[in-house]
N, C-alpha and C. Protein backbone atom coordinates (compact mmCIF):
# COMPACT_ATOMS: atom_id res chain seq x y z
N MET A 1 0.83 -1.17 0.00
CA MET A 1 0.00 0.00 0.00
C MET A 1 0.89 1.25 0.00
N TYR A 2 0.54 2.24 -0.74
CA TYR A 2 1.32 3.46 -0.88
C TYR A 2 0.70 4.57 -0.02
N TYR A 3 1.52 5.18 0.83
CA TYR A 3 1.05 6.29 1.68
C TYR A 3 1.75 7.57 1.27
N LYS A 4 1.01 8.61 1.07
CA LYS A 4 1.60 9.91 0.77
C LYS A 4 2.03 10.56 2.09
N GLU A 5 3.05 11.35 2.01
CA GLU A 5 3.50 12.11 3.18
C GLU A 5 2.40 13.11 3.55
N VAL A 6 2.06 13.13 4.80
CA VAL A 6 1.04 14.06 5.27
C VAL A 6 1.70 15.40 5.56
N ILE A 7 1.17 16.44 4.95
CA ILE A 7 1.71 17.78 5.15
C ILE A 7 0.65 18.60 5.88
N GLU A 8 1.06 19.21 6.96
CA GLU A 8 0.15 20.00 7.79
C GLU A 8 0.33 21.47 7.45
N LEU A 9 -0.74 22.16 7.31
CA LEU A 9 -0.71 23.59 7.05
C LEU A 9 -0.91 24.32 8.36
N ILE A 10 -0.01 25.23 8.67
CA ILE A 10 -0.08 26.02 9.91
C ILE A 10 -0.17 27.49 9.53
N SER A 11 -1.06 28.17 10.19
CA SER A 11 -1.21 29.61 9.98
C SER A 11 -0.79 30.32 11.25
N LEU A 12 -0.01 31.40 11.11
CA LEU A 12 0.39 32.14 12.29
C LEU A 12 0.46 33.63 11.97
N ARG A 13 0.36 34.42 13.00
CA ARG A 13 0.43 35.87 12.85
C ARG A 13 1.80 36.34 13.34
N ILE A 14 2.45 37.16 12.51
CA ILE A 14 3.74 37.74 12.89
C ILE A 14 3.70 39.23 12.58
N SER A 15 4.62 39.94 13.20
CA SER A 15 4.67 41.38 12.97
C SER A 15 5.18 41.67 11.55
N LYS A 16 4.91 42.86 11.09
CA LYS A 16 5.38 43.26 9.76
C LYS A 16 6.91 43.28 9.74
N GLU A 17 7.52 43.68 10.85
CA GLU A 17 8.98 43.74 10.92
C GLU A 17 9.59 42.34 10.79
N LEU A 18 9.00 41.36 11.49
CA LEU A 18 9.52 40.00 11.40
C LEU A 18 9.31 39.43 10.00
N GLU A 19 8.16 39.70 9.41
CA GLU A 19 7.90 39.23 8.05
C GLU A 19 8.90 39.83 7.06
N ALA A 20 9.23 41.11 7.25
CA ALA A 20 10.19 41.76 6.36
C ALA A 20 11.58 41.13 6.51
N LYS A 21 11.96 40.80 7.74
CA LYS A 21 13.26 40.16 7.96
C LYS A 21 13.30 38.78 7.32
N ILE A 22 12.23 38.02 7.50
CA ILE A 22 12.15 36.69 6.90
C ILE A 22 12.23 36.79 5.39
N GLU A 23 11.50 37.72 4.82
CA GLU A 23 11.50 37.89 3.37
C GLU A 23 12.88 38.28 2.86
N ALA A 24 13.56 39.18 3.57
CA ALA A 24 14.88 39.63 3.14
C ALA A 24 15.89 38.48 3.17
N ILE A 25 15.87 37.70 4.24
CA ILE A 25 16.82 36.58 4.36
C ILE A 25 16.51 35.51 3.32
N ALA A 26 15.23 35.21 3.15
CA ALA A 26 14.84 34.19 2.17
C ALA A 26 15.27 34.62 0.77
N LYS A 27 15.09 35.89 0.47
CA LYS A 27 15.48 36.40 -0.85
C LYS A 27 17.00 36.30 -1.02
N GLN A 28 17.73 36.66 0.03
CA GLN A 28 19.19 36.60 -0.01
C GLN A 28 19.68 35.16 -0.18
N GLU A 29 19.02 34.23 0.49
CA GLU A 29 19.40 32.82 0.42
C GLU A 29 18.80 32.11 -0.80
N LYS A 30 17.96 32.83 -1.54
CA LYS A 30 17.30 32.29 -2.73
C LYS A 30 16.46 31.06 -2.40
N ILE A 31 15.67 31.18 -1.34
CA ILE A 31 14.73 30.14 -0.95
C ILE A 31 13.39 30.81 -0.67
N THR A 32 12.36 30.00 -0.57
CA THR A 32 11.05 30.56 -0.26
C THR A 32 10.98 30.90 1.23
N LYS A 33 10.04 31.78 1.56
CA LYS A 33 9.83 32.11 2.98
C LYS A 33 9.41 30.86 3.73
N SER A 34 8.61 30.04 3.10
CA SER A 34 8.16 28.81 3.72
C SER A 34 9.34 27.89 4.05
N ASP A 35 10.26 27.73 3.10
CA ASP A 35 11.45 26.90 3.34
C ASP A 35 12.32 27.50 4.44
N PHE A 36 12.45 28.82 4.44
CA PHE A 36 13.24 29.48 5.49
C PHE A 36 12.64 29.20 6.86
N ILE A 37 11.33 29.34 6.98
CA ILE A 37 10.66 29.11 8.27
C ILE A 37 10.79 27.66 8.69
N LYS A 38 10.64 26.72 7.74
CA LYS A 38 10.79 25.30 8.07
C LYS A 38 12.20 25.00 8.58
N GLU A 39 13.22 25.55 7.90
CA GLU A 39 14.60 25.33 8.33
C GLU A 39 14.85 25.92 9.71
N ALA A 40 14.30 27.12 9.95
CA ALA A 40 14.48 27.77 11.24
C ALA A 40 13.83 26.95 12.35
N LEU A 41 12.63 26.43 12.09
CA LEU A 41 11.95 25.61 13.09
C LEU A 41 12.70 24.31 13.34
N GLU A 42 13.20 23.69 12.28
CA GLU A 42 13.96 22.45 12.45
C GLU A 42 15.21 22.69 13.29
N LYS A 43 15.91 23.80 13.04
CA LYS A 43 17.10 24.12 13.83
C LYS A 43 16.73 24.37 15.28
N TYR A 44 15.67 25.13 15.51
CA TYR A 44 15.23 25.42 16.87
C TYR A 44 14.89 24.13 17.61
N ILE A 45 14.15 23.24 16.95
CA ILE A 45 13.75 21.98 17.58
C ILE A 45 14.96 21.10 17.86
N THR A 46 15.90 21.05 16.92
CA THR A 46 17.12 20.26 17.14
C THR A 46 17.90 20.79 18.34
N ASP A 47 18.07 22.11 18.41
CA ASP A 47 18.76 22.70 19.56
C ASP A 47 18.02 22.42 20.86
N TYR A 48 16.71 22.52 20.82
CA TYR A 48 15.89 22.27 22.00
C TYR A 48 16.03 20.81 22.45
N GLU A 49 15.97 19.90 21.48
CA GLU A 49 16.07 18.48 21.81
C GLU A 49 17.46 18.12 22.34
N ASN A 50 18.47 18.80 21.84
CA ASN A 50 19.82 18.54 22.33
C ASN A 50 20.03 19.15 23.70
N ASN A 51 19.04 19.92 24.15
CA ASN A 51 19.07 20.52 25.47
C ASN A 51 20.41 21.20 25.72
N LEU A 52 20.76 22.12 24.83
CA LEU A 52 22.05 22.79 24.91
C LEU A 52 22.22 23.49 26.25
N ASN A 53 23.30 23.16 26.92
CA ASN A 53 23.63 23.82 28.17
C ASN A 53 24.84 24.71 27.94
N PRO A 54 25.18 25.56 28.89
CA PRO A 54 26.30 26.48 28.69
C PRO A 54 27.61 25.79 28.29
N TYR A 55 27.88 24.61 28.85
CA TYR A 55 29.11 23.91 28.48
C TYR A 55 29.11 23.54 27.00
N LYS A 56 28.00 22.96 26.53
CA LYS A 56 27.93 22.55 25.12
C LYS A 56 28.01 23.75 24.19
N LEU A 57 27.42 24.88 24.60
CA LEU A 57 27.46 26.07 23.76
C LEU A 57 28.88 26.59 23.58
N GLY A 58 29.71 26.50 24.61
CA GLY A 58 31.07 27.02 24.52
C GLY A 58 32.14 25.98 24.30
N GLU A 59 31.74 24.73 24.20
CA GLU A 59 32.69 23.62 24.12
C GLU A 59 33.75 23.80 23.05
N GLU A 60 33.36 24.26 21.88
CA GLU A 60 34.33 24.41 20.79
C GLU A 60 35.32 25.54 21.04
N LEU A 61 35.00 26.43 21.98
CA LEU A 61 35.89 27.55 22.27
C LEU A 61 36.86 27.27 23.41
N PHE A 62 36.56 26.28 24.24
CA PHE A 62 37.40 26.00 25.40
C PHE A 62 38.80 25.58 24.96
N GLY A 63 39.81 26.18 25.54
CA GLY A 63 41.19 25.85 25.24
C GLY A 63 41.76 26.60 24.05
N LYS A 64 40.97 27.43 23.39
CA LYS A 64 41.45 28.17 22.22
C LYS A 64 42.51 29.21 22.59
N CYS A 65 42.38 29.78 23.76
CA CYS A 65 43.30 30.85 24.17
C CYS A 65 44.10 30.44 25.39
N GLY A 66 44.38 29.18 25.51
CA GLY A 66 45.09 28.68 26.69
C GLY A 66 46.56 29.04 26.67
N SER A 67 47.20 28.75 27.79
CA SER A 67 48.62 29.04 27.95
C SER A 67 49.50 28.01 27.26
N GLY A 68 48.91 26.88 26.91
CA GLY A 68 49.70 25.81 26.33
C GLY A 68 50.28 24.89 27.38
N LYS A 69 50.06 25.26 28.63
CA LYS A 69 50.54 24.43 29.75
C LYS A 69 49.34 23.70 30.32
N GLY A 70 49.23 22.44 30.06
CA GLY A 70 48.07 21.67 30.45
C GLY A 70 47.99 21.30 31.91
N ASP A 71 49.04 21.61 32.70
CA ASP A 71 49.05 21.19 34.10
C ASP A 71 48.84 22.33 35.09
N LEU A 72 48.40 23.49 34.62
CA LEU A 72 48.30 24.65 35.50
C LEU A 72 47.37 24.42 36.69
N SER A 73 46.30 23.70 36.48
CA SER A 73 45.35 23.49 37.58
C SER A 73 45.84 22.46 38.58
N THR A 74 46.79 21.64 38.20
CA THR A 74 47.28 20.60 39.12
C THR A 74 48.60 20.98 39.79
N THR A 75 49.28 21.98 39.26
CA THR A 75 50.59 22.35 39.83
C THR A 75 50.59 23.74 40.45
N TYR A 76 49.38 24.30 40.67
CA TYR A 76 49.33 25.68 41.16
C TYR A 76 49.95 25.84 42.55
N LYS A 77 49.82 24.85 43.44
CA LYS A 77 50.39 24.96 44.79
C LYS A 77 51.91 25.07 44.72
N LYS A 78 52.52 24.26 43.88
CA LYS A 78 53.98 24.30 43.75
C LYS A 78 54.43 25.63 43.17
N ARG A 79 53.69 26.14 42.16
CA ARG A 79 54.06 27.41 41.55
C ARG A 79 53.92 28.57 42.54
N VAL A 80 52.87 28.55 43.36
CA VAL A 80 52.70 29.60 44.38
C VAL A 80 53.84 29.52 45.39
N LYS A 81 54.16 28.32 45.84
CA LYS A 81 55.25 28.13 46.81
C LYS A 81 56.57 28.62 46.23
N ASP A 82 56.83 28.30 44.97
CA ASP A 82 58.07 28.74 44.32
C ASP A 82 58.14 30.27 44.25
N LYS A 83 57.01 30.93 43.95
CA LYS A 83 57.00 32.39 43.89
C LYS A 83 57.25 33.01 45.26
N ILE A 84 56.62 32.42 46.27
CA ILE A 84 56.83 32.93 47.65
C ILE A 84 58.28 32.72 48.06
N ASP A 85 58.82 31.57 47.78
CA ASP A 85 60.22 31.29 48.11
C ASP A 85 61.16 32.24 47.39
N ALA A 86 60.84 32.56 46.13
CA ALA A 86 61.70 33.49 45.37
C ALA A 86 61.66 34.88 45.96
N LYS A 87 60.48 35.32 46.43
CA LYS A 87 60.37 36.65 47.05
C LYS A 87 61.15 36.70 48.36
N ILE A 88 61.05 35.65 49.14
CA ILE A 88 61.75 35.59 50.43
C ILE A 88 63.25 35.58 50.22
N ALA A 89 63.70 34.92 49.17
CA ALA A 89 65.14 34.78 48.89
C ALA A 89 65.76 36.14 48.52
N HIS A 90 64.95 37.10 48.02
CA HIS A 90 65.51 38.39 47.62
C HIS A 90 65.63 39.26 48.78
């Protein structure tokens, strides 16, 4: 048996400003407003389902501007002691 994909029609009210933004982006991307809205909703739902938390949002940025020394959090006591000892020695 052959089943056609069921397509649901949704009607919504948006401001003129939002409609103008959607139209401008759709025109720039050379897609229909309907396709733009579908893609935007799919992205929103995907992000929502992934339950993005602050760590996941910044994950790709962590370590980008690091010192290059991977042991700073584990050797801080020794480094502080060395600095204090150096000050006392002067």
